[in-house]
Amino acid sequence: SRHGGTLEYEDSVKGRFTISRDDAKNAVSLQMNSLKPDDTAVYFCTAR
């Protein structure tokens, strides 16, 4: 969310992926751990 207090994840990535934001740096990150072959894809950043 805008304030960073609400995080949501797709069920298959819960506990493995972490989304974060740094408003001072105008940047968003997605830390992905314990990756699986099913995670193979093109990943897109989106803004609303």
ModelCIF file with pLDDT and N, C-alpha, C, O atoms, coordinates in Angstrom:
data_MODEL
#
_entry.id   MODEL 
#
_entity.id                         1 
_entity.type                       polymer 
_entity.pdbx_number_of_molecules   1 
#
_entity_poly.entity_id                      1 
_entity_poly.type                           'polypeptide(L)' 
_entity_poly.nstd_linkage                   no 
_entity_poly.nstd_monomer                   no 
_entity_poly.pdbx_seq_one_letter_code       SRHGGTLEYEDSVKGRFTISRDDAKNAVSLQMNSLKPDDTAVYFCTAR 
_entity_poly.pdbx_seq_one_letter_code_can   SRHGGTLEYEDSVKGRFTISRDDAKNAVSLQMNSLKPDDTAVYFCTAR 
_entity_poly.pdbx_strand_id                 A 
#
loop_
_entity_poly_seq.entity_id 
_entity_poly_seq.num 
_entity_poly_seq.mon_id 
_entity_poly_seq.hetero 
1 1  SER n 
1 2  ARG n 
1 3  HIS n 
1 4  GLY n 
1 5  GLY n 
1 6  THR n 
1 7  LEU n 
1 8  GLU n 
1 9  TYR n 
1 10 GLU n 
1 11 ASP n 
1 12 SER n 
1 13 VAL n 
1 14 LYS n 
1 15 GLY n 
1 16 ARG n 
1 17 PHE n 
1 18 THR n 
1 19 ILE n 
1 20 SER n 
1 21 ARG n 
1 22 ASP n 
1 23 ASP n 
1 24 ALA n 
1 25 LYS n 
1 26 ASN n 
1 27 ALA n 
1 28 VAL n 
1 29 SER n 
1 30 LEU n 
1 31 GLN n 
1 32 MET n 
1 33 ASN n 
1 34 SER n 
1 35 LEU n 
1 36 LYS n 
1 37 PRO n 
1 38 ASP n 
1 39 ASP n 
1 40 THR n 
1 41 ALA n 
1 42 VAL n 
1 43 TYR n 
1 44 PHE n 
1 45 CYS n 
1 46 THR n 
1 47 ALA n 
1 48 ARG n 
#
_struct_asym.id          A 
_struct_asym.entity_id   1 
#
loop_
_ma_qa_metric.id 
_ma_qa_metric.mode 
_ma_qa_metric.name 
_ma_qa_metric.software_group_id 
_ma_qa_metric.type 
1 global pLDDT . pLDDT 
2 local  pLDDT . pLDDT 
#
_ma_qa_metric_global.metric_id      1 
_ma_qa_metric_global.metric_value   96.77 
_ma_qa_metric_global.model_id       1 
_ma_qa_metric_global.ordinal_id     1 
#
loop_
_ma_qa_metric_local.label_asym_id 
_ma_qa_metric_local.label_comp_id 
_ma_qa_metric_local.label_seq_id 
_ma_qa_metric_local.metric_id 
_ma_qa_metric_local.metric_value 
_ma_qa_metric_local.model_id 
_ma_qa_metric_local.ordinal_id 
A SER 1  2 95.00 1 1  
A ARG 2  2 94.00 1 2  
A HIS 3  2 91.00 1 3  
A GLY 4  2 91.00 1 4  
A GLY 5  2 91.00 1 5  
A THR 6  2 93.00 1 6  
A LEU 7  2 96.00 1 7  
A GLU 8  2 97.00 1 8  
A TYR 9  2 98.00 1 9  
A GLU 10 2 98.00 1 10 
A ASP 11 2 98.00 1 11 
A SER 12 2 97.00 1 12 
A VAL 13 2 98.00 1 13 
A LYS 14 2 98.00 1 14 
A GLY 15 2 97.00 1 15 
A ARG 16 2 98.00 1 16 
A PHE 17 2 98.00 1 17 
A THR 18 2 98.00 1 18 
A ILE 19 2 98.00 1 19 
A SER 20 2 98.00 1 20 
A ARG 21 2 97.00 1 21 
A ASP 22 2 96.00 1 22 
A ASP 23 2 95.00 1 23 
A ALA 24 2 95.00 1 24 
A LYS 25 2 95.00 1 25 
A ASN 26 2 96.00 1 26 
A ALA 27 2 97.00 1 27 
A VAL 28 2 98.00 1 28 
A SER 29 2 98.00 1 29 
A LEU 30 2 98.00 1 30 
A GLN 31 2 98.00 1 31 
A MET 32 2 98.00 1 32 
A ASN 33 2 98.00 1 33 
A SER 34 2 98.00 1 34 
A LEU 35 2 98.00 1 35 
A LYS 36 2 98.00 1 36 
A PRO 37 2 97.00 1 37 
A ASP 38 2 97.00 1 38 
A ASP 39 2 98.00 1 39 
A THR 40 2 98.00 1 40 
A ALA 41 2 98.00 1 41 
A VAL 42 2 98.00 1 42 
A TYR 43 2 98.00 1 43 
A PHE 44 2 98.00 1 44 
A CYS 45 2 98.00 1 45 
A THR 46 2 98.00 1 46 
A ALA 47 2 97.00 1 47 
A ARG 48 2 95.00 1 48 
#
loop_
_atom_site.group_PDB 
_atom_site.id 
_atom_site.type_symbol 
_atom_site.label_atom_id 
_atom_site.label_alt_id 
_atom_site.label_comp_id 
_atom_site.label_asym_id 
_atom_site.label_entity_id 
_atom_site.label_seq_id 
_atom_site.pdbx_PDB_ins_code 
_atom_site.Cartn_x 
_atom_site.Cartn_y 
_atom_site.Cartn_z 
_atom_site.occupancy 
_atom_site.B_iso_or_equiv 
_atom_site.pdbx_formal_charge 
_atom_site.auth_seq_id 
_atom_site.auth_comp_id 
_atom_site.auth_asym_id 
_atom_site.auth_atom_id 
_atom_site.pdbx_PDB_model_num 
ATOM 1   N N  . SER A 1 1  ? 0.823  -1.200  0.000   1.00 95.00 ? 1  SER A N  1 
ATOM 2   C CA . SER A 1 1  ? 0.000  0.000   0.000   1.00 95.00 ? 1  SER A CA 1 
ATOM 3   C C  . SER A 1 1  ? 0.863  1.257   0.000   1.00 95.00 ? 1  SER A C  1 
ATOM 4   O O  . SER A 1 1  ? 2.082  1.196   0.159   1.00 95.00 ? 1  SER A O  1 
ATOM 5   N N  . ARG A 1 2  ? 0.201  2.398   -0.182  1.00 94.00 ? 2  ARG A N  1 
ATOM 6   C CA . ARG A 1 2  ? 0.920  3.677   -0.172  1.00 94.00 ? 2  ARG A CA 1 
ATOM 7   C C  . ARG A 1 2  ? 1.697  3.879   1.119   1.00 94.00 ? 2  ARG A C  1 
ATOM 8   O O  . ARG A 1 2  ? 2.840  4.336   1.096   1.00 94.00 ? 2  ARG A O  1 
ATOM 9   N N  . HIS A 1 3  ? 1.083  3.542   2.236   1.00 91.00 ? 3  HIS A N  1 
ATOM 10  C CA . HIS A 1 3  ? 1.727  3.774   3.530   1.00 91.00 ? 3  HIS A CA 1 
ATOM 11  C C  . HIS A 1 3  ? 2.658  2.641   3.921   1.00 91.00 ? 3  HIS A C  1 
ATOM 12  O O  . HIS A 1 3  ? 3.374  2.739   4.917   1.00 91.00 ? 3  HIS A O  1 
ATOM 13  N N  . GLY A 1 4  ? 2.652  1.559   3.139   1.00 91.00 ? 4  GLY A N  1 
ATOM 14  C CA . GLY A 1 4  ? 3.549  0.457   3.426   1.00 91.00 ? 4  GLY A CA 1 
ATOM 15  C C  . GLY A 1 4  ? 3.066  -0.498  4.495   1.00 91.00 ? 4  GLY A C  1 
ATOM 16  O O  . GLY A 1 4  ? 3.734  -1.490  4.788   1.00 91.00 ? 4  GLY A O  1 
ATOM 17  N N  . GLY A 1 5  ? 1.907  -0.211  5.086   1.00 91.00 ? 5  GLY A N  1 
ATOM 18  C CA . GLY A 1 5  ? 1.427  -1.035  6.176   1.00 91.00 ? 5  GLY A CA 1 
ATOM 19  C C  . GLY A 1 5  ? 0.612  -2.232  5.755   1.00 91.00 ? 5  GLY A C  1 
ATOM 20  O O  . GLY A 1 5  ? 0.357  -3.127  6.561   1.00 91.00 ? 5  GLY A O  1 
ATOM 21  N N  . THR A 1 6  ? 0.201  -2.261  4.507   1.00 93.00 ? 6  THR A N  1 
ATOM 22  C CA . THR A 1 6  ? -0.568 -3.389  3.993   1.00 93.00 ? 6  THR A CA 1 
ATOM 23  C C  . THR A 1 6  ? 0.237  -4.090  2.916   1.00 93.00 ? 6  THR A C  1 
ATOM 24  O O  . THR A 1 6  ? 0.622  -3.494  1.910   1.00 93.00 ? 6  THR A O  1 
ATOM 25  N N  . LEU A 1 7  ? 0.482  -5.369  3.153   1.00 96.00 ? 7  LEU A N  1 
ATOM 26  C CA . LEU A 1 7  ? 1.218  -6.202  2.206   1.00 96.00 ? 7  LEU A CA 1 
ATOM 27  C C  . LEU A 1 7  ? 0.336  -7.385  1.837   1.00 96.00 ? 7  LEU A C  1 
ATOM 28  O O  . LEU A 1 7  ? -0.309 -7.980  2.701   1.00 96.00 ? 7  LEU A O  1 
ATOM 29  N N  . GLU A 1 8  ? 0.308  -7.721  0.571   1.00 97.00 ? 8  GLU A N  1 
ATOM 30  C CA . GLU A 1 8  ? -0.438 -8.900  0.153   1.00 97.00 ? 8  GLU A CA 1 
ATOM 31  C C  . GLU A 1 8  ? 0.432  -9.734  -0.781  1.00 97.00 ? 8  GLU A C  1 
ATOM 32  O O  . GLU A 1 8  ? 1.237  -9.209  -1.551  1.00 97.00 ? 8  GLU A O  1 
ATOM 33  N N  . TYR A 1 9  ? 0.246  -11.043 -0.689  1.00 98.00 ? 9  TYR A N  1 
ATOM 34  C CA . TYR A 1 9  ? 1.027  -11.973 -1.481  1.00 98.00 ? 9  TYR A CA 1 
ATOM 35  C C  . TYR A 1 9  ? 0.139  -13.050 -2.090  1.00 98.00 ? 9  TYR A C  1 
ATOM 36  O O  . TYR A 1 9  ? -0.864 -13.455 -1.502  1.00 98.00 ? 9  TYR A O  1 
ATOM 37  N N  . GLU A 1 10 ? 0.514  -13.493 -3.242  1.00 98.00 ? 10 GLU A N  1 
ATOM 38  C CA . GLU A 1 10 ? -0.120 -14.663 -3.831  1.00 98.00 ? 10 GLU A CA 1 
ATOM 39  C C  . GLU A 1 10 ? 0.263  -15.863 -2.968  1.00 98.00 ? 10 GLU A C  1 
ATOM 40  O O  . GLU A 1 10 ? 1.380  -15.926 -2.454  1.00 98.00 ? 10 GLU A O  1 
ATOM 41  N N  . ASP A 1 11 ? -0.646 -16.801 -2.810  1.00 98.00 ? 11 ASP A N  1 
ATOM 42  C CA . ASP A 1 11 ? -0.440 -17.889 -1.848  1.00 98.00 ? 11 ASP A CA 1 
ATOM 43  C C  . ASP A 1 11 ? 0.860  -18.657 -2.081  1.00 98.00 ? 11 ASP A C  1 
ATOM 44  O O  . ASP A 1 11 ? 1.532  -19.024 -1.117  1.00 98.00 ? 11 ASP A O  1 
ATOM 45  N N  . SER A 1 12 ? 1.220  -18.902 -3.313  1.00 97.00 ? 12 SER A N  1 
ATOM 46  C CA . SER A 1 12 ? 2.380  -19.749 -3.582  1.00 97.00 ? 12 SER A CA 1 
ATOM 47  C C  . SER A 1 12 ? 3.710  -19.067 -3.239  1.00 97.00 ? 12 SER A C  1 
ATOM 48  O O  . SER A 1 12 ? 4.740  -19.739 -3.185  1.00 97.00 ? 12 SER A O  1 
ATOM 49  N N  . VAL A 1 13 ? 3.709  -17.764 -3.008  1.00 98.00 ? 13 VAL A N  1 
ATOM 50  C CA . VAL A 1 13 ? 4.966  -17.068 -2.692  1.00 98.00 ? 13 VAL A CA 1 
ATOM 51  C C  . VAL A 1 13 ? 5.036  -16.617 -1.239  1.00 98.00 ? 13 VAL A C  1 
ATOM 52  O O  . VAL A 1 13 ? 6.068  -16.117 -0.792  1.00 98.00 ? 13 VAL A O  1 
ATOM 53  N N  . LYS A 1 14 ? 3.943  -16.793 -0.498  1.00 98.00 ? 14 LYS A N  1 
ATOM 54  C CA . LYS A 1 14 ? 3.941  -16.389 0.914   1.00 98.00 ? 14 LYS A CA 1 
ATOM 55  C C  . LYS A 1 14 ? 5.044  -17.109 1.668   1.00 98.00 ? 14 LYS A C  1 
ATOM 56  O O  . LYS A 1 14 ? 5.226  -18.318 1.526   1.00 98.00 ? 14 LYS A O  1 
ATOM 57  N N  . GLY A 1 15 ? 5.776  -16.354 2.470   1.00 97.00 ? 15 GLY A N  1 
ATOM 58  C CA . GLY A 1 15 ? 6.867  -16.925 3.244   1.00 97.00 ? 15 GLY A CA 1 
ATOM 59  C C  . GLY A 1 15 ? 8.178  -17.025 2.476   1.00 97.00 ? 15 GLY A C  1 
ATOM 60  O O  . GLY A 1 15 ? 9.221  -17.309 3.064   1.00 97.00 ? 15 GLY A O  1 
ATOM 61  N N  . ARG A 1 16 ? 8.131  -16.793 1.175   1.00 98.00 ? 16 ARG A N  1 
ATOM 62  C CA . ARG A 1 16 ? 9.351  -16.858 0.351   1.00 98.00 ? 16 ARG A CA 1 
ATOM 63  C C  . ARG A 1 16 ? 9.707  -15.497 -0.241  1.00 98.00 ? 16 ARG A C  1 
ATOM 64  O O  . ARG A 1 16 ? 10.885 -15.162 -0.366  1.00 98.00 ? 16 ARG A O  1 
ATOM 65  N N  . PHE A 1 17 ? 8.698  -14.717 -0.601  1.00 98.00 ? 17 PHE A N  1 
ATOM 66  C CA . PHE A 1 17 ? 8.917  -13.413 -1.239  1.00 98.00 ? 17 PHE A CA 1 
ATOM 67  C C  . PHE A 1 17 ? 8.554  -12.301 -0.262  1.00 98.00 ? 17 PHE A C  1 
ATOM 68  O O  . PHE A 1 17 ? 7.654  -12.449 0.565   1.00 98.00 ? 17 PHE A O  1 
ATOM 69  N N  . THR A 1 18 ? 9.269  -11.188 -0.371  1.00 98.00 ? 18 THR A N  1 
ATOM 70  C CA . THR A 1 18 ? 8.981  -10.012 0.446   1.00 98.00 ? 18 THR A CA 1 
ATOM 71  C C  . THR A 1 18 ? 9.025  -8.762  -0.416  1.00 98.00 ? 18 THR A C  1 
ATOM 72  O O  . THR A 1 18 ? 10.020 -8.490  -1.086  1.00 98.00 ? 18 THR A O  1 
ATOM 73  N N  . ILE A 1 19 ? 7.941  -8.011  -0.391  1.00 98.00 ? 19 ILE A N  1 
ATOM 74  C CA . ILE A 1 19 ? 7.892  -6.741  -1.110  1.00 98.00 ? 19 ILE A CA 1 
ATOM 75  C C  . ILE A 1 19 ? 8.200  -5.617  -0.129  1.00 98.00 ? 19 ILE A C  1 
ATOM 76  O O  . ILE A 1 19 ? 7.792  -5.668  1.031   1.00 98.00 ? 19 ILE A O  1 
ATOM 77  N N  . SER A 1 20 ? 8.916  -4.607  -0.598  1.00 98.00 ? 20 SER A N  1 
ATOM 78  C CA . SER A 1 20 ? 9.230  -3.464  0.248   1.00 98.00 ? 20 SER A CA 1 
ATOM 79  C C  . SER A 1 20 ? 9.320  -2.211  -0.614  1.00 98.00 ? 20 SER A C  1 
ATOM 80  O O  . SER A 1 20 ? 9.446  -2.284  -1.836  1.00 98.00 ? 20 SER A O  1 
ATOM 81  N N  . ARG A 1 21 ? 9.253  -1.069  0.046   1.00 97.00 ? 21 ARG A N  1 
ATOM 82  C CA . ARG A 1 21 ? 9.341  0.191   -0.682  1.00 97.00 ? 21 ARG A CA 1 
ATOM 83  C C  . ARG A 1 21 ? 10.241 1.155   0.065   1.00 97.00 ? 21 ARG A C  1 
ATOM 84  O O  . ARG A 1 21 ? 10.312 1.121   1.293   1.00 97.00 ? 21 ARG A O  1 
ATOM 85  N N  . ASP A 1 22 ? 10.927 2.011   -0.671  1.00 96.00 ? 22 ASP A N  1 
ATOM 86  C CA . ASP A 1 22 ? 11.764 3.057   -0.101  1.00 96.00 ? 22 ASP A CA 1 
ATOM 87  C C  . ASP A 1 22 ? 11.364 4.347   -0.802  1.00 96.00 ? 22 ASP A C  1 
ATOM 88  O O  . ASP A 1 22 ? 11.863 4.656   -1.884  1.00 96.00 ? 22 ASP A O  1 
ATOM 89  N N  . ASP A 1 23 ? 10.462 5.095   -0.180  1.00 95.00 ? 23 ASP A N  1 
ATOM 90  C CA . ASP A 1 23 ? 9.944  6.298   -0.814  1.00 95.00 ? 23 ASP A CA 1 
ATOM 91  C C  . ASP A 1 23 ? 11.029 7.349   -1.016  1.00 95.00 ? 23 ASP A C  1 
ATOM 92  O O  . ASP A 1 23 ? 10.971 8.122   -1.972  1.00 95.00 ? 23 ASP A O  1 
ATOM 93  N N  . ALA A 1 24 ? 12.012 7.385   -0.132  1.00 95.00 ? 24 ALA A N  1 
ATOM 94  C CA . ALA A 1 24 ? 13.090 8.358   -0.265  1.00 95.00 ? 24 ALA A CA 1 
ATOM 95  C C  . ALA A 1 24 ? 13.918 8.104   -1.519  1.00 95.00 ? 24 ALA A C  1 
ATOM 96  O O  . ALA A 1 24 ? 14.449 9.034   -2.126  1.00 95.00 ? 24 ALA A O  1 
ATOM 97  N N  . LYS A 1 25 ? 14.021 6.834   -1.899  1.00 95.00 ? 25 LYS A N  1 
ATOM 98  C CA . LYS A 1 25 ? 14.806 6.469   -3.080  1.00 95.00 ? 25 LYS A CA 1 
ATOM 99  C C  . LYS A 1 25 ? 13.933 6.240   -4.312  1.00 95.00 ? 25 LYS A C  1 
ATOM 100 O O  . LYS A 1 25 ? 14.432 5.915   -5.390  1.00 95.00 ? 25 LYS A O  1 
ATOM 101 N N  . ASN A 1 26 ? 12.622 6.414   -4.135  1.00 96.00 ? 26 ASN A N  1 
ATOM 102 C CA . ASN A 1 26 ? 11.697 6.165   -5.237  1.00 96.00 ? 26 ASN A CA 1 
ATOM 103 C C  . ASN A 1 26 ? 11.906 4.770   -5.829  1.00 96.00 ? 26 ASN A C  1 
ATOM 104 O O  . ASN A 1 26 ? 12.025 4.609   -7.043  1.00 96.00 ? 26 ASN A O  1 
ATOM 105 N N  . ALA A 1 27 ? 11.947 3.782   -4.964  1.00 97.00 ? 27 ALA A N  1 
ATOM 106 C CA . ALA A 1 27 ? 12.242 2.428   -5.417  1.00 97.00 ? 27 ALA A CA 1 
ATOM 107 C C  . ALA A 1 27 ? 11.416 1.405   -4.648  1.00 97.00 ? 27 ALA A C  1 
ATOM 108 O O  . ALA A 1 27 ? 11.076 1.595   -3.480  1.00 97.00 ? 27 ALA A O  1 
ATOM 109 N N  . VAL A 1 28 ? 11.110 0.328   -5.334  1.00 98.00 ? 28 VAL A N  1 
ATOM 110 C CA . VAL A 1 28 ? 10.391 -0.799  -4.750  1.00 98.00 ? 28 VAL A CA 1 
ATOM 111 C C  . VAL A 1 28 ? 11.207 -2.063  -5.020  1.00 98.00 ? 28 VAL A C  1 
ATOM 112 O O  . VAL A 1 28 ? 11.843 -2.186  -6.067  1.00 98.00 ? 28 VAL A O  1 
ATOM 113 N N  . SER A 1 29 ? 11.186 -2.989  -4.082  1.00 98.00 ? 29 SER A N  1 
ATOM 114 C CA . SER A 1 29 ? 11.959 -4.215  -4.245  1.00 98.00 ? 29 SER A CA 1 
ATOM 115 C C  . SER A 1 29 ? 11.091 -5.442  -4.018  1.00 98.00 ? 29 SER A C  1 
ATOM 116 O O  . SER A 1 29 ? 10.055 -5.379  -3.357  1.00 98.00 ? 29 SER A O  1 
ATOM 117 N N  . LEU A 1 30 ? 11.534 -6.550  -4.576  1.00 98.00 ? 30 LEU A N  1 
ATOM 118 C CA . LEU A 1 30 ? 10.910 -7.841  -4.325  1.00 98.00 ? 30 LEU A CA 1 
ATOM 119 C C  . LEU A 1 30 ? 12.037 -8.828  -4.040  1.00 98.00 ? 30 LEU A C  1 
ATOM 120 O O  . LEU A 1 30 ? 12.763 -9.239  -4.945  1.00 98.00 ? 30 LEU A O  1 
ATOM 121 N N  . GLN A 1 31 ? 12.171 -9.200  -2.776  1.00 98.00 ? 31 GLN A N  1 
ATOM 122 C CA . GLN A 1 31 ? 13.164 -10.199 -2.378  1.00 98.00 ? 31 GLN A CA 1 
ATOM 123 C C  . GLN A 1 31 ? 12.551 -11.569 -2.555  1.00 98.00 ? 31 GLN A C  1 
ATOM 124 O O  . GLN A 1 31 ? 11.496 -11.857 -1.990  1.00 98.00 ? 31 GLN A O  1 
ATOM 125 N N  . MET A 1 32 ? 13.200 -12.416 -3.334  1.00 98.00 ? 32 MET A N  1 
ATOM 126 C CA . MET A 1 32 ? 12.663 -13.739 -3.641  1.00 98.00 ? 32 MET A CA 1 
ATOM 127 C C  . MET A 1 32 ? 13.638 -14.801 -3.141  1.00 98.00 ? 32 MET A C  1 
ATOM 128 O O  . MET A 1 32 ? 14.770 -14.886 -3.618  1.00 98.00 ? 32 MET A O  1 
ATOM 129 N N  . ASN A 1 33 ? 13.205 -15.593 -2.197  1.00 98.00 ? 33 ASN A N  1 
ATOM 130 C CA . ASN A 1 33 ? 14.023 -16.662 -1.631  1.00 98.00 ? 33 ASN A CA 1 
ATOM 131 C C  . ASN A 1 33 ? 13.403 -18.016 -1.939  1.00 98.00 ? 33 ASN A C  1 
ATOM 132 O O  . ASN A 1 33 ? 12.238 -18.110 -2.326  1.00 98.00 ? 33 ASN A O  1 
ATOM 133 N N  . SER A 1 34 ? 14.196 -19.055 -1.761  1.00 98.00 ? 34 SER A N  1 
ATOM 134 C CA . SER A 1 34 ? 13.728 -20.431 -1.978  1.00 98.00 ? 34 SER A CA 1 
ATOM 135 C C  . SER A 1 34 ? 13.010 -20.555 -3.315  1.00 98.00 ? 34 SER A C  1 
ATOM 136 O O  . SER A 1 34 ? 11.906 -21.093 -3.398  1.00 98.00 ? 34 SER A O  1 
ATOM 137 N N  . LEU A 1 35 ? 13.642 -20.057 -4.336  1.00 98.00 ? 35 LEU A N  1 
ATOM 138 C CA . LEU A 1 35 ? 13.002 -20.035 -5.654  1.00 98.00 ? 35 LEU A CA 1 
ATOM 139 C C  . LEU A 1 35 ? 12.778 -21.441 -6.198  1.00 98.00 ? 35 LEU A C  1 
ATOM 140 O O  . LEU A 1 35 ? 13.559 -22.360 -5.955  1.00 98.00 ? 35 LEU A O  1 
ATOM 141 N N  . LYS A 1 36 ? 11.692 -21.571 -6.936  1.00 98.00 ? 36 LYS A N  1 
ATOM 142 C CA . LYS A 1 36 ? 11.304 -22.843 -7.531  1.00 98.00 ? 36 LYS A CA 1 
ATOM 143 C C  . LYS A 1 36 ? 11.195 -22.685 -9.050  1.00 98.00 ? 36 LYS A C  1 
ATOM 144 O O  . LYS A 1 36 ? 11.008 -21.572 -9.542  1.00 98.00 ? 36 LYS A O  1 
ATOM 145 N N  . PRO A 1 37 ? 11.310 -23.775 -9.786  1.00 97.00 ? 37 PRO A N  1 
ATOM 146 C CA . PRO A 1 37 ? 11.147 -23.669 -11.247 1.00 97.00 ? 37 PRO A CA 1 
ATOM 147 C C  . PRO A 1 37 ? 9.809  -23.034 -11.652 1.00 97.00 ? 37 PRO A C  1 
ATOM 148 O O  . PRO A 1 37 ? 9.737  -22.355 -12.676 1.00 97.00 ? 37 PRO A O  1 
ATOM 149 N N  . ASP A 1 38 ? 8.768  -23.246 -10.872 1.00 97.00 ? 38 ASP A N  1 
ATOM 150 C CA . ASP A 1 38 ? 7.462  -22.648 -11.179 1.00 97.00 ? 38 ASP A CA 1 
ATOM 151 C C  . ASP A 1 38 ? 7.467  -21.129 -11.050 1.00 97.00 ? 38 ASP A C  1 
ATOM 152 O O  . ASP A 1 38 ? 6.526  -20.475 -11.499 1.00 97.00 ? 38 ASP A O  1 
ATOM 153 N N  . ASP A 1 39 ? 8.498  -20.558 -10.451 1.00 98.00 ? 39 ASP A N  1 
ATOM 154 C CA . ASP A 1 39 ? 8.597  -19.103 -10.351 1.00 98.00 ? 39 ASP A CA 1 
ATOM 155 C C  . ASP A 1 39 ? 9.142  -18.479 -11.630 1.00 98.00 ? 39 ASP A C  1 
ATOM 156 O O  . ASP A 1 39 ? 9.181  -17.255 -11.754 1.00 98.00 ? 39 ASP A O  1 
ATOM 157 N N  . THR A 1 40 ? 9.556  -19.295 -12.567 1.00 98.00 ? 40 THR A N  1 
ATOM 158 C CA . THR A 1 40 ? 10.091 -18.796 -13.831 1.00 98.00 ? 40 THR A CA 1 
ATOM 159 C C  . THR A 1 40 ? 9.038  -17.994 -14.578 1.00 98.00 ? 40 THR A C  1 
ATOM 160 O O  . THR A 1 40 ? 7.943  -18.489 -14.846 1.00 98.00 ? 40 THR A O  1 
ATOM 161 N N  . ALA A 1 41 ? 9.371  -16.758 -14.912 1.00 98.00 ? 41 ALA A N  1 
ATOM 162 C CA . ALA A 1 41 ? 8.425  -15.860 -15.578 1.00 98.00 ? 41 ALA A CA 1 
ATOM 163 C C  . ALA A 1 41 ? 9.112  -14.520 -15.829 1.00 98.00 ? 41 ALA A C  1 
ATOM 164 O O  . ALA A 1 41 ? 10.228 -14.275 -15.371 1.00 98.00 ? 41 ALA A O  1 
ATOM 165 N N  . VAL A 1 42 ? 8.421  -13.674 -16.559 1.00 98.00 ? 42 VAL A N  1 
ATOM 166 C CA . VAL A 1 42 ? 8.810  -12.271 -16.646 1.00 98.00 ? 42 VAL A CA 1 
ATOM 167 C C  . VAL A 1 42 ? 8.077  -11.540 -15.520 1.00 98.00 ? 42 VAL A C  1 
ATOM 168 O O  . VAL A 1 42 ? 6.861  -11.663 -15.374 1.00 98.00 ? 42 VAL A O  1 
ATOM 169 N N  . TYR A 1 43 ? 8.822  -10.788 -14.739 1.00 98.00 ? 43 TYR A N  1 
ATOM 170 C CA . TYR A 1 43 ? 8.259  -10.086 -13.588 1.00 98.00 ? 43 TYR A CA 1 
ATOM 171 C C  . TYR A 1 43 ? 8.103  -8.607  -13.906 1.00 98.00 ? 43 TYR A C  1 
ATOM 172 O O  . TYR A 1 43 ? 9.024  -7.963  -14.407 1.00 98.00 ? 43 TYR A O  1 
ATOM 173 N N  . PHE A 1 44 ? 6.921  -8.083  -13.606 1.00 98.00 ? 44 PHE A N  1 
ATOM 174 C CA . PHE A 1 44 ? 6.578  -6.699  -13.916 1.00 98.00 ? 44 PHE A CA 1 
ATOM 175 C C  . PHE A 1 44 ? 6.307  -5.915  -12.640 1.00 98.00 ? 44 PHE A C  1 
ATOM 176 O O  . PHE A 1 44 ? 5.643  -6.394  -11.722 1.00 98.00 ? 44 PHE A O  1 
ATOM 177 N N  . CYS A 1 45 ? 6.830  -4.712  -12.608 1.00 98.00 ? 45 CYS A N  1 
ATOM 178 C CA . CYS A 1 45 ? 6.518  -3.756  -11.539 1.00 98.00 ? 45 CYS A CA 1 
ATOM 179 C C  . CYS A 1 45 ? 5.340  -2.907  -12.003 1.00 98.00 ? 45 CYS A C  1 
ATOM 180 O O  . CYS A 1 45 ? 5.271  -2.515  -13.167 1.00 98.00 ? 45 CYS A O  1 
ATOM 181 N N  . THR A 1 46 ? 4.414  -2.625  -11.088 1.00 98.00 ? 46 THR A N  1 
ATOM 182 C CA . THR A 1 46 ? 3.236  -1.840  -11.441 1.00 98.00 ? 46 THR A CA 1 
ATOM 183 C C  . THR A 1 46 ? 2.976  -0.774  -10.380 1.00 98.00 ? 46 THR A C  1 
ATOM 184 O O  . THR A 1 46 ? 3.359  -0.926  -9.220  1.00 98.00 ? 46 THR A O  1 
ATOM 185 N N  . ALA A 1 47 ? 2.322  0.302   -10.796 1.00 97.00 ? 47 ALA A N  1 
ATOM 186 C CA . ALA A 1 47 ? 1.997  1.404   -9.890  1.00 97.00 ? 47 ALA A CA 1 
ATOM 187 C C  . ALA A 1 47 ? 0.541  1.800   -10.064 1.00 97.00 ? 47 ALA A C  1 
ATOM 188 O O  . ALA A 1 47 ? -0.003 1.784   -11.168 1.00 97.00 ? 47 ALA A O  1 
ATOM 189 N N  . ARG A 1 48 ? -0.070 2.153   -8.950  1.00 95.00 ? 48 ARG A N  1 
ATOM 190 C CA . ARG A 1 48 ? -1.477 2.548   -8.966  1.00 95.00 ? 48 ARG A CA 1 
ATOM 191 C C  . ARG A 1 48 ? -1.624 3.825   -8.149  1.00 95.00 ? 48 ARG A C  1 
ATOM 192 O O  . ARG A 1 48 ? -2.729 4.351   -8.019  1.00 95.00 ? 48 ARG A O  1 
#
